[in-house]
């Protein structure tokens, strides 16, 4: 890609996006059940300032006004997520009609304002009763997800322009079950690997259900990143390869090629349950043809092998003191002087092109 200014193609849509737990509030209203984020946010020290989503932006009660704001912005599409515990409070069984009615009004309201609804079916708020039974670490949750998707697709299929099965399943599996930074706050690499497979299996189960429900396009959204070695040293190159495998290839390859990367299977071969949960036919189901891939890009990362961290410090880099995934045996580098966000993420737009 060159630095020349390129026009956006005809039909390009500018839009914006939200997530149910981040904006809706009303966590106890109209039959909604608890999610893993309701539980996690109440854990002392888990969330900055002890904040919860109990009220958030109060979108549940301010929806019409919020839609008017979107119309004023002139957006062409709006990506939102359905809260599974609002539609199916226990994660199984009949639908909560009040929850479905809320999203029906949302879809209708978007259409009335000529804004295309882009609906994400899972943006991290797993019903707590399913987590109590094992969460994404067990296969049953993928099957329950398929039932939930069927409920939503039958209720909202007419009017949705595009479906997104999962938002950033890496975050759900590796931050939720591996590092413990996200709900449900578990630190177990073997369970994170199992959760990865069951999330992807859930995606695969959802696709044919959505195809049958409407003519809307179907895809998945991944958070992908450019992982660069801090030097040409073979150890650093291998560290960057491991980082790329965990964040990118562990999801891209099964979705688009029907296989897990061999180096990642070897890397996680000794953890339990890990990828021992994969059954015959699973990967064929996961590799359903898609209409689009959603990409959430935040920042690139420069990494070195853990054994070379001292050398990187001597070279003038700030080196992280720890890594949330010790099995990857790497450290992230920060180059002094580069612009960073309030969340301390490096601003590096060209990383999206890698």
Protein backbone atom coordinates (compact mmCIF):
# COMPACT_ATOMS: atom_id res chain seq x y z
CA UNK A 1 0.00 0.00 0.00
CA UNK A 2 1.29 3.45 -0.90
CA UNK A 3 0.79 6.69 0.94
CA UNK A 4 -1.39 8.05 -1.88
CA UNK A 5 -4.93 9.01 -0.94
CA UNK A 6 -7.38 6.46 -2.27
CA UNK A 7 -11.11 7.09 -2.61
CA UNK A 8 -13.50 4.79 -0.84
CA UNK A 9 -15.35 2.53 -3.28
CA UNK A 10 -18.99 3.06 -4.22
CA UNK A 11 -21.31 1.61 -1.60
CA UNK A 12 -18.74 1.89 1.21
CA UNK A 13 -20.56 2.27 4.53
CA UNK A 14 -19.42 4.35 7.45
CA UNK A 15 -20.82 3.09 10.71
CA UNK A 16 -20.31 2.70 14.41
CA UNK A 17 -20.50 -0.16 16.88
CA UNK A 18 -21.42 -0.99 20.46
CA UNK A 19 -21.72 -4.03 22.72
CA UNK A 20 -24.75 -4.92 24.82
CA UNK A 21 -23.12 -5.04 28.26
CA UNK A 22 -21.18 -1.86 27.59
CA UNK A 23 -24.23 0.30 26.84
CA UNK A 24 -27.57 -1.24 27.76
CA UNK A 25 -27.71 -1.14 31.55
CA UNK A 26 -31.02 -2.44 32.93
CA UNK A 27 -29.29 -5.63 33.98
CA UNK A 28 -32.25 -6.70 36.14
CA UNK A 29 -35.08 -5.41 33.95
CA UNK A 30 -37.80 -7.37 32.17
CA UNK A 31 -36.52 -10.85 32.91
CA UNK A 32 -32.87 -10.46 31.94
CA UNK A 33 -30.64 -12.99 33.68
CA UNK A 34 -27.10 -12.50 34.98
CA UNK A 35 -24.12 -12.69 32.66
CA UNK A 36 -20.51 -13.58 33.43
CA UNK A 37 -19.68 -9.88 33.22
CA UNK A 38 -22.24 -9.03 35.90
CA UNK A 39 -20.46 -11.51 38.14
CA UNK A 40 -16.92 -10.58 37.14
CA UNK A 41 -17.46 -6.83 37.51
CA UNK A 42 -18.36 -7.35 41.17
CA UNK A 43 -15.13 -9.15 41.93
CA UNK A 44 -12.93 -6.77 43.95
CA UNK A 45 -10.14 -5.40 41.76
CA UNK A 46 -11.40 -6.95 38.54
CA UNK A 47 -12.61 -3.72 36.92
CA UNK A 48 -11.21 -0.20 37.27
CA UNK A 49 -13.04 1.76 39.98
CA UNK A 50 -15.31 -1.23 40.57
CA UNK A 51 -17.50 -0.09 37.67
CA UNK A 52 -20.34 -2.32 36.47
CA UNK A 53 -22.74 -2.35 33.55
CA UNK A 54 -25.80 -1.98 35.77
CA UNK A 55 -26.61 1.41 34.25
CA UNK A 56 -23.88 2.06 31.65
CA UNK A 57 -25.35 4.39 28.97
CA UNK A 58 -28.89 3.31 29.93
CA UNK A 59 -29.47 2.44 26.28
CA UNK A 60 -32.23 0.02 27.24
CA UNK A 61 -34.35 2.98 28.35
CA UNK A 62 -32.94 5.57 25.92
CA UNK A 63 -32.95 3.56 22.71
CA UNK A 64 -35.11 5.90 20.61
CA UNK A 65 -32.99 8.90 21.50
CA UNK A 66 -29.83 6.94 20.80
CA UNK A 67 -31.13 5.96 17.37
CA UNK A 68 -31.88 9.60 16.65
CA UNK A 69 -28.26 10.40 17.48
CA UNK A 70 -27.10 7.76 15.03
CA UNK A 71 -29.31 9.28 12.35
CA UNK A 72 -27.85 12.71 13.08
CA UNK A 73 -24.37 11.26 12.62
CA UNK A 74 -25.41 10.04 9.18
CA UNK A 75 -24.08 6.52 9.63
CA UNK A 76 -24.93 3.88 7.05
CA UNK A 77 -24.79 0.92 9.41
CA UNK A 78 -24.82 0.22 13.13
CA UNK A 79 -23.25 -2.85 14.66
CA UNK A 80 -24.81 -3.86 17.97
CA UNK A 81 -24.93 -7.06 19.95
CA UNK A 82 -27.77 -9.02 21.47
CA UNK A 83 -27.36 -9.86 25.14
CA UNK A 84 -27.83 -13.61 25.36
CA UNK A 85 -29.08 -13.44 29.00
CA UNK A 86 -31.68 -10.86 27.99
CA UNK A 87 -33.11 -13.20 25.36
CA UNK A 88 -32.53 -16.51 27.17
CA UNK A 89 -31.86 -15.76 30.85
CA UNK A 90 -30.51 -19.20 31.81
CA UNK A 91 -28.80 -19.84 28.47
CA UNK A 92 -31.29 -22.54 27.58
CA UNK A 93 -35.01 -23.06 27.25
CA UNK A 94 -37.70 -20.71 25.95
CA UNK A 95 -37.05 -17.14 24.93
CA UNK A 96 -37.71 -14.16 27.14
CA UNK A 97 -40.21 -12.34 24.94
CA UNK A 98 -39.51 -8.96 26.52
CA UNK A 99 -35.89 -9.28 25.51
CA UNK A 100 -36.71 -10.21 21.93
CA UNK A 101 -39.20 -7.35 21.74
CA UNK A 102 -36.49 -4.87 22.73
CA UNK A 103 -34.25 -5.98 19.88
CA UNK A 104 -37.18 -6.06 17.46
CA UNK A 105 -37.82 -2.41 18.25
CA UNK A 106 -34.13 -1.68 17.79
CA UNK A 107 -33.98 -3.34 14.37
CA UNK A 108 -37.20 -1.64 13.27
CA UNK A 109 -35.94 1.70 14.54
CA UNK A 110 -32.73 1.39 12.55
CA UNK A 111 -34.59 0.48 9.39
CA UNK A 112 -36.94 3.43 9.83
CA UNK A 113 -33.87 5.70 9.86
CA UNK A 114 -32.27 4.01 6.82
CA UNK A 115 -29.46 2.52 8.91
CA UNK A 116 -28.48 -1.06 8.12
CA UNK A 117 -28.60 -3.32 11.19
CA UNK A 118 -25.44 -5.38 11.71
CA UNK A 119 -26.18 -7.78 14.53
CA UNK A 120 -23.52 -9.50 16.63
CA UNK A 121 -24.86 -12.59 18.35
CA UNK A 122 -22.16 -12.89 21.00
CA UNK A 123 -20.11 -10.05 22.45
CA UNK A 124 -18.85 -11.78 25.57
CA UNK A 125 -21.91 -11.74 27.89
CA UNK A 126 -22.41 -15.47 28.45
CA UNK A 127 -25.34 -16.34 30.73
CA UNK A 128 -23.90 -17.05 34.18
CA UNK A 129 -25.81 -20.36 34.58
CA UNK A 130 -23.93 -21.74 31.56
CA UNK A 131 -20.61 -20.67 33.05
CA UNK A 132 -21.60 -22.47 36.24
CA UNK A 133 -21.84 -25.62 34.11
CA UNK A 134 -18.41 -25.15 32.53
CA UNK A 135 -18.85 -22.21 30.18
CA UNK A 136 -16.95 -22.22 26.91
CA UNK A 137 -14.65 -24.92 28.26
CA UNK A 138 -17.36 -27.51 27.60
CA UNK A 139 -18.99 -28.55 24.35
CA UNK A 140 -22.54 -28.14 25.63
CA UNK A 141 -22.18 -24.35 25.57
CA UNK A 142 -21.65 -24.42 21.80
CA UNK A 143 -24.82 -26.45 21.41
CA UNK A 144 -26.73 -24.06 23.66
CA UNK A 145 -25.42 -21.18 21.54
CA UNK A 146 -26.88 -22.79 18.43
CA UNK A 147 -30.30 -22.96 20.13
CA UNK A 148 -30.02 -19.30 21.13
CA UNK A 149 -29.02 -18.28 17.60
CA UNK A 150 -32.08 -20.08 16.24
CA UNK A 151 -34.33 -18.11 18.62
CA UNK A 152 -32.81 -14.79 17.59
CA UNK A 153 -32.70 -15.57 13.87
CA UNK A 154 -36.37 -16.56 13.77
CA UNK A 155 -37.40 -13.47 15.70
CA UNK A 156 -35.19 -10.87 14.02
CA UNK A 157 -34.17 -12.39 10.70
CA UNK A 158 -36.38 -10.06 8.71
CA UNK A 159 -34.63 -6.75 8.97
CA UNK A 160 -31.05 -7.71 9.81
CA UNK A 161 -28.64 -6.84 6.98
CA UNK A 162 -25.64 -8.79 8.23
CA UNK A 163 -25.00 -11.28 11.01
CA UNK A 164 -21.80 -11.56 13.03
CA UNK A 165 -21.63 -14.82 14.95
CA UNK A 166 -18.91 -13.91 17.46
CA UNK A 167 -17.00 -10.79 18.34
CA UNK A 168 -13.31 -11.40 19.10
CA UNK A 169 -13.43 -15.00 20.30
CA UNK A 170 -9.73 -14.69 21.20
CA UNK A 171 -10.72 -12.30 23.99
CA UNK A 172 -13.39 -14.67 25.26
CA UNK A 173 -11.04 -17.63 25.34
CA UNK A 174 -7.57 -16.29 26.08
CA UNK A 175 -8.37 -13.20 28.14
CA UNK A 176 -11.35 -14.87 29.83
CA UNK A 177 -9.98 -18.35 30.53
CA UNK A 178 -6.23 -17.98 30.00
CA UNK A 179 -5.10 -14.66 31.50
CA UNK A 180 -8.13 -14.00 33.70
CA UNK A 181 -8.28 -10.35 32.62
CA UNK A 182 -11.82 -10.68 31.27
CA UNK A 183 -14.87 -12.54 32.53
CA UNK A 184 -15.05 -15.19 33.86
CA UNK A 185 -11.57 -14.43 35.21
CA UNK A 186 -10.01 -17.90 34.96
CA UNK A 187 -6.27 -18.50 34.52
CA UNK A 188 -5.81 -21.89 32.89
CA UNK A 189 -4.10 -22.29 29.51
CA UNK A 190 -5.60 -25.72 28.91
CA UNK A 191 -9.12 -24.44 29.46
CA UNK A 192 -8.42 -21.43 27.24
CA UNK A 193 -7.44 -23.74 24.40
CA UNK A 194 -10.61 -25.81 24.89
CA UNK A 195 -12.67 -22.60 24.96
CA UNK A 196 -11.09 -21.56 21.67
CA UNK A 197 -12.36 -24.70 19.98
CA UNK A 198 -15.83 -24.54 21.48
CA UNK A 199 -16.25 -20.90 20.50
CA UNK A 200 -15.26 -21.70 16.93
CA UNK A 201 -17.55 -24.73 17.00
CA UNK A 202 -20.39 -22.46 18.12
CA UNK A 203 -19.62 -20.19 15.19
CA UNK A 204 -19.75 -23.14 12.82
CA UNK A 205 -23.06 -24.33 14.24
CA UNK A 206 -24.55 -20.86 13.91
CA UNK A 207 -23.77 -20.26 10.24
CA UNK A 208 -26.28 -22.71 8.64
CA UNK A 209 -28.98 -21.56 11.06
CA UNK A 210 -28.48 -17.97 9.96
CA UNK A 211 -28.38 -18.96 6.30
CA UNK A 212 -31.75 -20.67 6.67
CA UNK A 213 -33.32 -17.73 8.49
CA UNK A 214 -32.72 -14.92 6.01
CA UNK A 215 -30.73 -13.70 3.04
CA UNK A 216 -28.53 -11.51 5.22
CA UNK A 217 -24.79 -11.92 4.90
CA UNK A 218 -22.92 -13.87 7.56
CA UNK A 219 -19.44 -13.39 9.02
CA UNK A 220 -17.33 -13.31 12.15
CA UNK A 221 -15.24 -10.54 13.73
CA UNK A 222 -11.68 -11.21 14.88
CA UNK A 223 -9.18 -8.95 16.59
CA UNK A 224 -6.09 -9.40 14.46
CA UNK A 225 -2.69 -7.88 15.01
CA UNK A 226 0.75 -7.55 13.47
CA UNK A 227 3.32 -9.29 15.68
CA UNK A 228 6.85 -8.26 14.80
CA UNK A 229 10.14 -9.64 16.11
CA UNK A 230 12.27 -7.15 18.00
CA UNK A 231 15.30 -8.24 16.00
CA UNK A 232 16.36 -10.75 13.36
CA UNK A 233 17.66 -13.06 16.07
CA UNK A 234 16.13 -16.54 15.53
CA UNK A 235 14.72 -16.58 19.08
CA UNK A 236 12.85 -13.31 18.49
CA UNK A 237 11.56 -14.44 15.10
CA UNK A 238 10.25 -17.62 16.75
CA UNK A 239 8.63 -15.57 19.54
CA UNK A 240 6.79 -13.41 17.00
CA UNK A 241 5.66 -16.57 15.25
CA UNK A 242 4.20 -17.91 18.50
CA UNK A 243 2.38 -14.63 19.14
CA UNK A 244 0.97 -14.64 15.61
CA UNK A 245 -0.09 -18.24 16.04
CA UNK A 246 -1.99 -17.60 19.24
CA UNK A 247 -3.78 -14.39 18.24
CA UNK A 248 -4.22 -14.76 14.49
CA UNK A 249 -3.61 -18.18 12.95
CA UNK A 250 -5.33 -20.18 15.71
CA UNK A 251 -8.59 -18.61 14.49
CA UNK A 252 -8.01 -17.82 10.82
CA UNK A 253 -6.82 -21.28 9.80
CA UNK A 254 -9.74 -23.32 11.17
CA UNK A 255 -12.29 -20.80 9.88
CA UNK A 256 -10.90 -20.56 6.36
CA UNK A 257 -8.88 -23.75 5.91
CA UNK A 258 -10.52 -26.26 8.26
CA UNK A 259 -7.40 -26.98 10.31
CA UNK A 260 -5.52 -25.76 13.33
CA UNK A 261 -1.92 -24.63 12.82
CA UNK A 262 0.40 -27.58 13.42
CA UNK A 263 2.86 -25.47 15.41
CA UNK A 264 0.07 -24.37 17.75
CA UNK A 265 -1.23 -27.91 18.23
CA UNK A 266 2.31 -28.94 19.10
CA UNK A 267 2.72 -25.95 21.41
CA UNK A 268 -0.43 -26.81 23.38
CA UNK A 269 -0.05 -30.60 23.19
CA UNK A 270 0.70 -31.01 26.89
CA UNK A 271 -2.10 -28.86 28.36
CA UNK A 272 -5.44 -30.30 29.47
CA UNK A 273 -8.02 -30.46 28.14
CA UNK A 274 -6.55 -28.30 25.37
CA UNK A 275 -7.38 -29.35 21.83
CA UNK A 276 -8.14 -32.91 22.88
CA UNK A 277 -11.77 -31.73 22.82
CA UNK A 278 -11.75 -31.63 18.99
CA UNK A 279 -14.00 -34.33 17.50
CA UNK A 280 -14.27 -35.78 14.02
CA UNK A 281 -16.24 -33.43 11.77
CA UNK A 282 -15.77 -30.36 13.98
CA UNK A 283 -13.32 -28.61 11.68
CA UNK A 284 -15.53 -29.15 8.64
CA UNK A 285 -18.36 -27.50 10.54
CA UNK A 286 -16.16 -24.59 11.63
CA UNK A 287 -14.97 -23.95 8.06
CA UNK A 288 -18.37 -22.88 6.77
CA UNK A 289 -18.16 -20.47 3.80
CA UNK A 290 -18.55 -16.87 4.95
CA UNK A 291 -19.53 -13.65 3.24
CA UNK A 292 -17.11 -11.41 5.10
CA UNK A 293 -14.47 -11.27 7.81
CA UNK A 294 -14.76 -8.43 10.30
CA UNK A 295 -11.39 -7.13 11.52
CA UNK A 296 -10.92 -5.17 14.72
CA UNK A 297 -7.44 -3.67 14.70
CA UNK A 298 -6.00 -1.93 17.74
CA UNK A 299 -2.22 -1.89 17.71
CA UNK A 300 0.83 -3.88 16.58
CA UNK A 301 3.20 -5.61 18.95
CA UNK A 302 6.95 -6.03 18.91
CA UNK A 303 8.17 -9.02 20.87
CA UNK A 304 11.37 -10.75 21.90
CA UNK A 305 11.99 -14.15 23.36
CA UNK A 306 11.92 -14.06 27.15
CA UNK A 307 15.58 -15.05 27.20
CA UNK A 308 16.49 -11.88 25.33
CA UNK A 309 14.57 -9.38 27.46
CA UNK A 310 17.71 -8.03 29.17
CA UNK A 311 19.39 -7.38 25.83
CA UNK A 312 16.32 -5.47 24.64
CA UNK A 313 16.40 -3.28 27.75
CA UNK A 314 20.05 -2.50 27.16
CA UNK A 315 19.15 -1.51 23.59
CA UNK A 316 16.84 1.18 24.93
CA UNK A 317 13.44 -0.51 24.83
CA UNK A 318 10.92 -0.59 27.64
CA UNK A 319 10.27 -4.29 28.19
CA UNK A 320 7.15 -5.64 29.90
CA UNK A 321 7.95 -7.25 33.22
CA UNK A 322 5.59 -10.14 32.60
CA UNK A 323 3.36 -11.65 29.94
CA UNK A 324 -0.22 -12.77 30.57
CA UNK A 325 0.54 -15.99 28.67
CA UNK A 326 3.77 -17.36 30.14
CA UNK A 327 3.61 -20.40 27.89
CA UNK A 328 4.43 -18.18 24.89
CA UNK A 329 7.78 -17.29 26.51
CA UNK A 330 8.01 -13.77 25.13
CA UNK A 331 8.08 -10.15 26.23
CA UNK A 332 6.50 -7.13 24.54
CA UNK A 333 8.62 -4.11 23.70
CA UNK A 334 7.67 -0.46 23.81
CA UNK A 335 9.65 2.00 21.71
CA UNK A 336 10.10 5.28 23.60
CA UNK A 337 8.64 8.41 22.03
CA UNK A 338 5.85 6.86 20.01
CA UNK A 339 2.30 8.18 20.38
CA UNK A 340 0.06 6.03 22.54
CA UNK A 341 -3.62 6.00 23.49
CA UNK A 342 -5.06 6.55 26.96
CA UNK A 343 -5.04 2.75 27.28
CA UNK A 344 -1.29 2.81 26.53
CA UNK A 345 -1.71 1.22 23.09
CA UNK A 346 0.73 2.25 20.38
CA UNK A 347 -0.85 4.30 17.58
CA UNK A 348 0.34 2.68 14.38
CA UNK A 349 -2.27 2.85 11.62
CA UNK A 350 -0.19 1.09 8.97
CA UNK A 351 -0.22 -2.07 11.07
CA UNK A 352 -3.68 -2.71 9.65
CA UNK A 353 -2.12 -3.42 6.26
CA UNK A 354 0.17 -6.20 7.48
